[in-house]
Every structure is written in C-alpha cells, then in structure tokens.
C-alpha cells in the first residue's frame, strides 16, 4: 500500500530545502528508489514537503538508510532542526 509522509520544517527556507534535497536525492531531479511523488513549497511558518512512497517499507528504507544518516551528520546549508512529521497510508490518489 502506498505510504505518505508530510514534513513541515518550521522556519525552513527554499535554500535549505535545495541543499537538503541535493544531499539525499539522486542527481538530476530523480526520486529515491520507492518514492513515486514529491512536492515541496513554502507554507505558514516554514517549508513543507509531501512525499509518497510505494510502501511503508520503502519509506523506512529511505529514512533509515539515506535521510537520517545525512541529517545526523548535518547537511551544509540544509535544514537545521527536525521536521514535524505526519505519516499516513494512502487510500486513494486522484489526478486530473
């Protein structure tokens, strides 16, 4: 079942987002293995990212194997604090 993650970085900026994505996503704008959707932008009080993975397991593999190790080391110019996280099982997706 697809799995969704919403991250809100309080006080986050576009430049922090770009630095963070450059450190944890494949080059050329590709998505990490198992991630099927990614959207991000400014929101009230910071920066919000929405990602959909093909399963909870693929999210956990990305989180534990790539994202958290990079964030734990610190990403130059990246987000400086952990996000507020909301996770959910994706029941349906609608496209135009």
Protein backbone atom coordinates (compact mmCIF):
# COMPACT_ATOMS: atom_id res chain seq x y z
CA UNK A 1 0.00 0.00 0.00
CA UNK A 2 1.38 3.47 -0.81
CA UNK A 3 2.64 5.44 2.16
CA UNK A 4 2.64 9.22 2.56
CA UNK A 5 4.91 11.49 4.57
CA UNK A 6 4.38 15.18 5.26
CA UNK A 7 7.30 17.09 6.75
CA UNK A 8 6.98 20.66 7.98
CA UNK A 9 10.24 22.43 8.77
CA UNK A 10 9.43 25.41 11.00
CA UNK A 11 11.40 28.40 9.75
CA UNK A 12 12.65 26.38 6.78
CA UNK A 13 13.59 28.09 3.52
CA UNK A 14 13.89 27.21 -0.16
CA UNK A 15 17.69 27.34 0.01
CA UNK A 16 17.71 24.91 2.98
CA UNK A 17 15.36 22.62 1.06
CA UNK A 18 17.55 22.69 -2.05
CA UNK A 19 20.68 21.88 -0.03
CA UNK A 20 18.92 19.04 1.78
CA UNK A 21 17.45 17.51 -1.39
CA UNK A 22 20.84 17.70 -3.13
CA UNK A 23 22.27 15.63 -0.27
CA UNK A 24 19.60 12.91 -0.11
CA UNK A 25 18.03 12.58 -3.59
CA UNK A 26 19.65 11.20 -6.74
CA UNK A 27 21.16 13.78 -9.12
CA UNK A 28 19.18 15.25 -11.97
CA UNK A 29 15.87 15.57 -10.15
CA UNK A 30 15.22 11.82 -9.94
CA UNK A 31 13.36 10.40 -6.96
CA UNK A 32 14.84 7.92 -4.49
CA UNK A 33 14.02 4.25 -5.00
CA UNK A 34 10.41 3.61 -3.98
CA UNK A 35 9.35 7.26 -3.93
CA UNK A 36 6.63 7.92 -6.51
CA UNK A 37 5.73 11.56 -5.78
CA UNK A 38 7.45 14.57 -4.25
CA UNK A 39 6.14 18.12 -3.81
CA UNK A 40 7.50 20.94 -1.70
CA UNK A 41 6.99 24.62 -1.10
CA UNK A 42 6.70 27.50 1.33
CA UNK A 43 3.96 27.22 3.92
CA UNK A 44 2.85 29.09 7.02
CA UNK A 45 5.92 29.47 9.19
CA UNK A 46 8.34 27.42 7.12
CA UNK A 47 8.70 24.83 4.38
CA UNK A 48 6.56 21.73 3.75
CA UNK A 49 7.43 18.56 1.84
CA UNK A 50 4.97 15.86 0.77
CA UNK A 51 6.33 12.52 -0.42
CA UNK A 52 4.55 9.35 -1.45
CA UNK A 53 6.39 6.02 -1.36
CA UNK A 54 5.21 2.77 -2.88
CA UNK A 55 5.11 1.23 0.62
CA UNK A 56 5.86 1.94 4.25
CA UNK A 57 8.89 -0.35 3.88
CA UNK A 58 10.37 1.78 1.08
CA UNK A 59 9.85 4.93 3.18
CA UNK A 60 11.59 3.30 6.14
CA UNK A 61 14.48 2.12 3.93
CA UNK A 62 14.98 5.66 2.59
CA UNK A 63 14.58 7.23 6.04
CA UNK A 64 16.93 4.83 7.83
CA UNK A 65 19.47 4.28 5.07
CA UNK A 66 19.78 7.73 3.48
CA UNK A 67 17.80 10.55 5.09
CA UNK A 68 18.59 10.16 8.78
CA UNK A 69 22.30 9.37 8.34
CA UNK A 70 22.70 12.51 6.21
CA UNK A 71 20.71 14.69 8.61
CA UNK A 72 22.54 13.29 11.63
CA UNK A 73 25.88 14.33 10.10
CA UNK A 74 24.48 17.75 9.24
CA UNK A 75 23.83 18.98 5.73
CA UNK A 76 25.74 22.14 4.86
CA UNK A 77 23.13 24.83 4.20
CA UNK A 78 20.31 22.37 4.94
CA UNK A 79 17.52 22.31 7.49
CA UNK A 80 18.83 22.87 11.00
CA UNK A 81 16.12 21.14 13.03
CA UNK A 82 13.97 18.02 12.66
CA UNK A 83 10.57 18.44 11.00
CA UNK A 84 7.11 17.97 12.35
CA UNK A 85 6.09 14.69 10.68
CA UNK A 86 2.72 13.29 9.68
CA UNK A 87 2.62 9.82 8.13
CA UNK A 88 -0.37 8.06 6.58
CA UNK A 89 -1.38 5.07 4.50
CA UNK A 90 -2.52 6.37 1.12
CA UNK A 91 -6.05 5.17 0.46
CA UNK A 92 -6.60 6.91 -2.86
CA UNK A 93 -4.88 9.19 -5.36
CA UNK A 94 -6.72 11.42 -7.82
CA UNK A 95 -5.12 13.07 -10.84
CA UNK A 96 -6.52 15.40 -13.46
